[in-house]
Amino acid sequence: MSQTLSPEKIRADVADLLGCDPAEIDPEDNLMDHGLDSVRIMTLIERWRTAGATEVEFPDLAERPELAHWTALLTGGAA
């Protein structure tokens, strides 16, 4: 979907919004358990659309709030 979003950038953006170190987020963790909410998801969507992931939609992220899924979705990798 985007050439400009790397797995490291995605992890760093999520950690930034959650106020934690990127290393604290396991790729399989449910990000809602880390404090992610719908407002933060929308913030990430806007940030990532600006970075080139123009097709990302709220349901894509909200249905599976896991870093591994989001990374695969945003970078075109396998889920």
Protein backbone atom coordinates (compact mmCIF):
# COMPACT_ATOMS: atom_id res chain seq x y z
CA MET A 1 0.00 0.00 0.00
CA SER A 2 2.80 2.43 0.82
CA GLN A 3 6.48 2.57 0.00
CA THR A 4 7.18 5.18 2.67
CA LEU A 5 6.00 3.31 5.75
CA SER A 6 8.49 0.88 7.23
CA PRO A 7 7.77 -1.58 10.03
CA GLU A 8 10.00 0.54 12.28
CA LYS A 9 8.07 3.72 11.45
CA ILE A 10 4.72 2.02 12.11
CA ARG A 11 5.94 0.69 15.47
CA ALA A 12 7.41 4.08 16.41
CA ASP A 13 4.18 5.92 15.51
CA VAL A 14 2.08 3.52 17.59
CA ALA A 15 4.47 3.74 20.55
CA ASP A 16 4.49 7.54 20.30
CA LEU A 17 0.72 7.71 20.64
CA LEU A 18 0.69 5.16 23.45
CA GLY A 19 3.48 6.93 25.33
CA CYS A 20 5.71 3.88 25.53
CA ASP A 21 8.97 2.57 24.11
CA PRO A 22 8.56 0.81 20.75
CA ALA A 23 10.29 -2.28 22.18
CA GLU A 24 7.48 -2.64 24.74
CA ILE A 25 4.95 -3.54 22.03
CA ASP A 26 4.86 -7.18 21.01
CA PRO A 27 3.75 -7.58 17.38
CA GLU A 28 0.93 -9.93 18.43
CA ASP A 29 -0.35 -7.81 21.33
CA ASN A 30 -3.85 -6.40 21.16
CA LEU A 31 -3.08 -2.69 21.05
CA MET A 32 -6.34 -1.90 22.86
CA ASP A 33 -4.76 -3.57 25.90
CA HIS A 34 -1.97 -0.96 25.68
CA GLY A 35 -4.48 1.90 25.78
CA LEU A 36 -5.18 2.40 22.08
CA ASP A 37 -8.63 3.82 21.39
CA SER A 38 -10.61 4.95 18.35
CA VAL A 39 -9.34 8.54 18.55
CA ARG A 40 -5.73 7.33 18.49
CA ILE A 41 -6.49 5.00 15.58
CA MET A 42 -7.88 7.95 13.62
CA THR A 43 -4.75 9.95 14.47
CA LEU A 44 -2.59 7.13 13.11
CA ILE A 45 -4.71 6.86 9.97
CA GLU A 46 -4.27 10.57 9.25
CA ARG A 47 -0.54 10.36 9.92
CA TRP A 48 -0.15 7.31 7.66
CA ARG A 49 -2.31 8.75 4.89
CA THR A 50 -0.03 11.79 4.88
CA ALA A 51 2.92 9.38 4.61
CA GLY A 52 1.40 7.74 1.55
CA ALA A 53 -0.91 5.00 2.85
CA THR A 54 -3.91 6.66 1.22
CA GLU A 55 -6.10 3.56 1.17
CA VAL A 56 -5.98 2.73 4.89
CA GLU A 57 -9.42 2.83 6.53
CA PHE A 58 -10.56 2.71 10.15
CA PRO A 59 -12.14 -0.79 9.96
CA ASP A 60 -8.88 -2.21 8.55
CA LEU A 61 -7.10 -1.26 11.74
CA ALA A 62 -9.89 -1.55 14.30
CA GLU A 63 -10.88 -5.11 13.38
CA ARG A 64 -7.41 -6.46 14.23
CA PRO A 65 -5.57 -3.99 16.47
CA GLU A 66 -2.26 -5.86 16.35
CA LEU A 67 1.05 -4.38 15.27
CA ALA A 68 1.91 -7.41 13.11
CA HIS A 69 -1.39 -7.14 11.20
CA TRP A 70 -1.07 -3.39 10.74
CA THR A 71 2.52 -3.72 9.52
CA ALA A 72 1.52 -6.35 6.97
CA LEU A 73 -1.43 -4.27 5.85
CA LEU A 74 0.53 -1.04 5.50
CA THR A 75 3.69 -2.44 3.94
CA GLY A 76 2.12 -5.08 1.72
CA GLY A 77 3.65 -7.96 3.65
CA ALA A 78 1.96 -11.21 4.64
CA ALA A 79 -0.29 -11.06 7.70
